[in-house]
Amino acid sequence: MHLLLSVLCWFLRIRGTRKIVIDGALYLERFVLWGRIKDDPGPWGINVWIHRIHLPDGDRDMHNHPWWWSFGVVLSGGYCETRARTAEWRFAPGQPPCTRRLNPGNVTVLGYDSYHVIETVRPKTWTLFITGRTTNRGWGFLVADGNHKKHIDSSWYKGGK
């Protein structure tokens, strides 16, 4: 599977590739199947990407995604994520975060109000990632006090090409 995905993405470089580098290390590669390389939606309001995840999120706070909806399917490898259970931008009372391992074939669904952090990444992790239209809230973090903090410092996410 990894070899097949590597060959497919070699061809997809023509459509667009984005490498996201954090602190000098390759964090994620994005290959466009449909839509645009950046966050704004492609034709019909969707983007379809293949992601190769190289590193976990590290010690950053849990983050949301800027789309009304998105979902990912693990194609190979896998990762462990911790998700906040939220209600109106705050931790849901009495609900601790949940941690789960995603293996090939597993699906994750994220709304604009879903917060997660990728804790560990297996080697050769590839996902199919599909997004809807962006919201006006954009990327953000769920900070220690339970509030959403807009992603103002773009060096974390936009560090890639």
C-alpha atoms as a PDB file:
ATOM      1  CA  MET A   1       0.000   0.000   0.000  1.00  0.00           C
ATOM      2  CA  HIS A   2       2.802   2.407   0.887  1.00  0.00           C
ATOM      3  CA  LEU A   3       4.519   1.826  -2.468  1.00  0.00           C
ATOM      4  CA  LEU A   4       1.247   2.359  -4.353  1.00  0.00           C
ATOM      5  CA  LEU A   5       0.607   5.622  -2.475  1.00  0.00           C
ATOM      6  CA  SER A   6       4.169   6.789  -3.098  1.00  0.00           C
ATOM      7  CA  VAL A   7       3.802   6.232  -6.848  1.00  0.00           C
ATOM      8  CA  LEU A   8       0.361   7.905  -6.899  1.00  0.00           C
ATOM      9  CA  CYS A   9       1.686  10.966  -5.068  1.00  0.00           C
ATOM     10  CA  TRP A  10       4.673  11.172  -7.390  1.00  0.00           C
ATOM     11  CA  PHE A  11       2.146  11.704 -10.220  1.00  0.00           C
ATOM     12  CA  LEU A  12       0.026  14.048  -8.083  1.00  0.00           C
ATOM     13  CA  ARG A  13       2.919  16.490  -7.609  1.00  0.00           C
ATOM     14  CA  ILE A  14       1.839  17.968 -10.933  1.00  0.00           C
ATOM     15  CA  ARG A  15      -1.536  19.018  -9.395  1.00  0.00           C
ATOM     16  CA  GLY A  16       0.088  20.516  -6.336  1.00  0.00           C
ATOM     17  CA  THR A  17       1.954  19.554  -3.219  1.00  0.00           C
ATOM     18  CA  ARG A  18       2.306  21.343   0.063  1.00  0.00           C
ATOM     19  CA  LYS A  19       5.007  20.527   2.559  1.00  0.00           C
ATOM     20  CA  ILE A  20       4.360  21.742   6.069  1.00  0.00           C
ATOM     21  CA  VAL A  21       7.575  22.124   8.045  1.00  0.00           C
ATOM     22  CA  ILE A  22       7.538  22.845  11.777  1.00  0.00           C
ATOM     23  CA  ASP A  23      10.709  23.730  13.668  1.00  0.00           C
ATOM     24  CA  GLY A  24      12.763  22.590  10.678  1.00  0.00           C
ATOM     25  CA  ALA A  25      11.194  19.110  10.489  1.00  0.00           C
ATOM     26  CA  LEU A  26       8.787  17.837   7.832  1.00  0.00           C
ATOM     27  CA  TYR A  27       5.427  17.501   9.597  1.00  0.00           C
ATOM     28  CA  LEU A  28       2.992  16.753   6.761  1.00  0.00           C
ATOM     29  CA  GLU A  29       2.840  16.500   2.973  1.00  0.00           C
ATOM     30  CA  ARG A  30      -0.423  17.325   1.192  1.00  0.00           C
ATOM     31  CA  PHE A  31      -1.169  16.034  -2.303  1.00  0.00           C
ATOM     32  CA  VAL A  32      -4.194  17.358  -4.213  1.00  0.00           C
ATOM     33  CA  LEU A  33      -6.627  14.884  -5.762  1.00  0.00           C
ATOM     34  CA  TRP A  34      -9.372  17.498  -6.161  1.00  0.00           C
ATOM     35  CA  GLY A  35      -9.623  21.144  -5.220  1.00  0.00           C
ATOM     36  CA  ARG A  36      -6.924  23.473  -4.013  1.00  0.00           C
ATOM     37  CA  ILE A  37      -3.661  23.119  -2.133  1.00  0.00           C
ATOM     38  CA  LYS A  38      -4.608  25.752   0.490  1.00  0.00           C
ATOM     39  CA  ASP A  39      -7.504  25.694   2.945  1.00  0.00           C
ATOM     40  CA  ASP A  40     -10.089  27.471   0.780  1.00  0.00           C
ATOM     41  CA  PRO A  41     -12.523  25.097  -0.929  1.00  0.00           C
ATOM     42  CA  GLY A  42     -12.102  23.801  -4.418  1.00  0.00           C
ATOM     43  CA  PRO A  43     -14.811  23.327  -7.031  1.00  0.00           C
ATOM     44  CA  TRP A  44     -18.207  22.395  -5.554  1.00  0.00           C
ATOM     45  CA  GLY A  45     -16.910  23.538  -2.172  1.00  0.00           C
ATOM     46  CA  ILE A  46     -14.725  20.531  -1.410  1.00  0.00           C
ATOM     47  CA  ASN A  47     -11.086  19.542  -1.332  1.00  0.00           C
ATOM     48  CA  VAL A  48      -9.837  15.969  -1.596  1.00  0.00           C
ATOM     49  CA  TRP A  49      -6.270  15.472  -0.444  1.00  0.00           C
ATOM     50  CA  ILE A  50      -3.876  12.690   0.383  1.00  0.00           C
ATOM     51  CA  HIS A  51      -1.830  13.463   3.472  1.00  0.00           C
ATOM     52  CA  ARG A  52       1.394  11.812   4.451  1.00  0.00           C
ATOM     53  CA  ILE A  53       1.804  12.478   8.151  1.00  0.00           C
ATOM     54  CA  HIS A  54       5.415  12.389   9.309  1.00  0.00           C
ATOM     55  CA  LEU A  55       5.240  13.743  12.871  1.00  0.00           C
ATOM     56  CA  PRO A  56       2.771  14.112  15.739  1.00  0.00           C
ATOM     57  CA  ASP A  57       1.489  17.556  16.716  1.00  0.00           C
ATOM     58  CA  GLY A  58       3.944  17.769  19.595  1.00  0.00           C
ATOM     59  CA  ASP A  59       3.183  19.801  22.692  1.00  0.00           C
ATOM     60  CA  ARG A  60       0.806  22.280  21.060  1.00  0.00           C
ATOM     61  CA  ASP A  61      -2.733  22.711  22.397  1.00  0.00           C
ATOM     62  CA  MET A  62      -5.568  20.843  20.725  1.00  0.00           C
ATOM     63  CA  HIS A  63      -6.570  22.518  17.465  1.00  0.00           C
ATOM     64  CA  ASN A  64      -9.663  22.699  15.315  1.00  0.00           C
ATOM     65  CA  HIS A  65      -9.899  22.780  11.537  1.00  0.00           C
ATOM     66  CA  PRO A  66     -11.329  25.700   9.543  1.00  0.00           C
ATOM     67  CA  TRP A  67     -13.962  23.731   7.597  1.00  0.00           C
ATOM     68  CA  TRP A  68     -17.621  23.204   8.436  1.00  0.00           C
ATOM     69  CA  TRP A  69     -16.895  19.507   8.117  1.00  0.00           C
ATOM     70  CA  SER A  70     -14.011  17.262   7.192  1.00  0.00           C
ATOM     71  CA  PHE A  71     -13.207  13.608   7.433  1.00  0.00           C
ATOM     72  CA  GLY A  72     -10.191  11.415   7.016  1.00  0.00           C
ATOM     73  CA  VAL A  73      -9.639   7.745   6.245  1.00  0.00           C
ATOM     74  CA  VAL A  74      -6.403   6.118   7.336  1.00  0.00           C
ATOM     75  CA  LEU A  75      -4.930   4.365   4.302  1.00  0.00           C
ATOM     76  CA  SER A  76      -1.730   3.002   5.862  1.00  0.00           C
ATOM     77  CA  GLY A  77       0.259   3.368   9.060  1.00  0.00           C
ATOM     78  CA  GLY A  78      -1.889   4.983  11.705  1.00  0.00           C
ATOM     79  CA  TYR A  79      -1.866   7.461  14.532  1.00  0.00           C
ATOM     80  CA  CYS A  80      -3.182   8.091  18.023  1.00  0.00           C
ATOM     81  CA  GLU A  81      -5.234  11.220  18.634  1.00  0.00           C
ATOM     82  CA  THR A  82      -6.735  12.844  21.690  1.00  0.00           C
ATOM     83  CA  ARG A  83     -10.001  14.680  21.163  1.00  0.00           C
ATOM     84  CA  ALA A  84     -11.788  17.138  23.395  1.00  0.00           C
ATOM     85  CA  ARG A  85     -15.433  16.670  24.037  1.00  0.00           C
ATOM     86  CA  THR A  86     -16.714  20.169  23.488  1.00  0.00           C
ATOM     87  CA  ALA A  87     -19.914  22.084  23.865  1.00  0.00           C
ATOM     88  CA  GLU A  88     -20.091  25.634  22.515  1.00  0.00           C
ATOM     89  CA  TRP A  89     -16.324  26.108  22.317  1.00  0.00           C
ATOM     90  CA  ARG A  90     -15.658  24.901  25.859  1.00  0.00           C
ATOM     91  CA  PHE A  91     -14.838  21.568  27.424  1.00  0.00           C
ATOM     92  CA  ALA A  92     -18.099  19.781  28.099  1.00  0.00           C
ATOM     93  CA  PRO A  93     -18.618  19.660  31.870  1.00  0.00           C
ATOM     94  CA  GLY A  94     -17.449  16.389  33.356  1.00  0.00           C
ATOM     95  CA  GLN A  95     -16.323  15.002  30.021  1.00  0.00           C
ATOM     96  CA  PRO A  96     -12.622  14.166  29.890  1.00  0.00           C
ATOM     97  CA  PRO A  97     -10.799  14.126  26.560  1.00  0.00           C
ATOM     98  CA  CYS A  98     -10.783  10.772  24.781  1.00  0.00           C
ATOM     99  CA  THR A  99      -7.779   9.133  23.170  1.00  0.00           C
ATOM    100  CA  ARG A 100      -8.055   6.648  20.344  1.00  0.00           C
ATOM    101  CA  ARG A 101      -5.823   4.828  17.897  1.00  0.00           C
ATOM    102  CA  LEU A 102      -6.718   5.059  14.217  1.00  0.00           C
ATOM    103  CA  ASN A 103      -5.596   2.154  12.048  1.00  0.00           C
ATOM    104  CA  PRO A 104      -5.922   1.564   8.303  1.00  0.00           C
ATOM    105  CA  GLY A 105      -9.595   1.709   7.342  1.00  0.00           C
ATOM    106  CA  ASN A 106     -10.599   3.827  10.353  1.00  0.00           C
ATOM    107  CA  VAL A 107     -12.472   7.074   9.713  1.00  0.00           C
ATOM    108  CA  THR A 108     -12.300  10.297  11.692  1.00  0.00           C
ATOM    109  CA  VAL A 109     -14.890  13.075  11.326  1.00  0.00           C
ATOM    110  CA  LEU A 110     -14.085  16.647  12.353  1.00  0.00           C
ATOM    111  CA  GLY A 111     -16.366  19.657  12.472  1.00  0.00           C
ATOM    112  CA  TYR A 112     -15.181  23.235  12.898  1.00  0.00           C
ATOM    113  CA  ASP A 113     -15.887  22.848  16.617  1.00  0.00           C
ATOM    114  CA  SER A 114     -13.971  19.567  17.027  1.00  0.00           C
ATOM    115  CA  TYR A 115     -10.588  19.832  18.705  1.00  0.00           C
ATOM    116  CA  HIS A 116      -7.855  17.230  18.566  1.00  0.00           C
ATOM    117  CA  VAL A 117      -4.139  16.670  18.789  1.00  0.00           C
ATOM    118  CA  ILE A 118      -2.201  13.878  17.099  1.00  0.00           C
ATOM    119  CA  GLU A 119      -0.126  12.279  19.861  1.00  0.00           C
ATOM    120  CA  THR A 120       1.836   9.585  17.995  1.00  0.00           C
ATOM    121  CA  VAL A 121       2.314   8.643  14.341  1.00  0.00           C
ATOM    122  CA  ARG A 122       3.279   5.259  12.950  1.00  0.00           C
ATOM    123  CA  PRO A 123       5.793   5.136  10.096  1.00  0.00           C
ATOM    124  CA  LYS A 124       4.369   5.422   6.576  1.00  0.00           C
ATOM    125  CA  THR A 125       1.090   7.028   7.665  1.00  0.00           C
ATOM    126  CA  TRP A 126      -1.102   8.090   4.748  1.00  0.00           C
ATOM    127  CA  THR A 127      -4.671   9.410   4.929  1.00  0.00           C
ATOM    128  CA  LEU A 128      -7.360  10.437   2.492  1.00  0.00           C
ATOM    129  CA  PHE A 129      -8.696  13.774   3.762  1.00  0.00           C
ATOM    130  CA  ILE A 130     -11.832  15.498   2.448  1.00  0.00           C
ATOM    131  CA  THR A 131     -13.022  18.957   3.483  1.00  0.00           C
ATOM    132  CA  GLY A 132     -16.089  21.104   2.993  1.00  0.00           C
ATOM    133  CA  ARG A 133     -16.300  24.880   2.874  1.00  0.00           C
ATOM    134  CA  THR A 134     -14.293  27.007   5.285  1.00  0.00           C
ATOM    135  CA  THR A 135     -15.884  28.842   8.188  1.00  0.00           C
ATOM    136  CA  ASN A 136     -15.100  32.392   9.210  1.00  0.00           C
ATOM    137  CA  ARG A 137     -13.569  31.082  12.458  1.00  0.00           C
ATOM    138  CA  GLY A 138     -10.454  29.630  10.867  1.00  0.00           C
ATOM    139  CA  TRP A 139      -7.800  27.581  12.605  1.00  0.00           C
ATOM    140  CA  GLY A 140      -7.620  27.851  16.357  1.00  0.00           C
ATOM    141  CA  PHE A 141      -6.544  26.226  19.566  1.00  0.00           C
ATOM    142  CA  LEU A 142      -8.443  25.072  22.643  1.00  0.00           C
ATOM    143  CA  VAL A 143      -6.303  26.616  25.365  1.00  0.00           C
ATOM    144  CA  ALA A 144      -6.034  25.587  29.030  1.00  0.00           C
ATOM    145  CA  ASP A 145      -8.992  27.700  30.172  1.00  0.00           C
ATOM    146  CA  GLY A 146     -11.257  25.895  27.674  1.00  0.00           C
ATOM    147  CA  ASN A 147     -11.597  28.824  25.271  1.00  0.00           C
ATOM    148  CA  HIS A 148     -11.012  28.926  21.529  1.00  0.00           C
ATOM    149  CA  LYS A 149      -7.972  31.028  20.636  1.00  0.00           C
ATOM    150  CA  LYS A 150      -7.784  32.104  17.009  1.00  0.00           C
ATOM    151  CA  HIS A 151      -4.629  31.103  15.239  1.00  0.00           C
ATOM    152  CA  ILE A 152      -3.040  34.541  14.876  1.00  0.00           C
ATOM    153  CA  ASP A 153       0.586  33.476  14.750  1.00  0.00           C
ATOM    154  CA  SER A 154       0.670  31.737  11.394  1.00  0.00           C
ATOM    155  CA  SER A 155       4.194  30.392  11.853  1.00  0.00           C
ATOM    156  CA  TRP A 156       2.903  27.100  13.265  1.00  0.00           C
ATOM    157  CA  TYR A 157       0.629  26.087  10.407  1.00  0.00           C
ATOM    158  CA  LYS A 158       1.804  28.194   7.497  1.00  0.00           C
ATOM    159  CA  GLY A 159       5.443  27.266   8.023  1.00  0.00           C
ATOM    160  CA  GLY A 160       5.270  24.992   5.009  1.00  0.00           C
ATOM    161  CA  LYS A 161       5.498  25.800   1.359  1.00  0.00           C
END
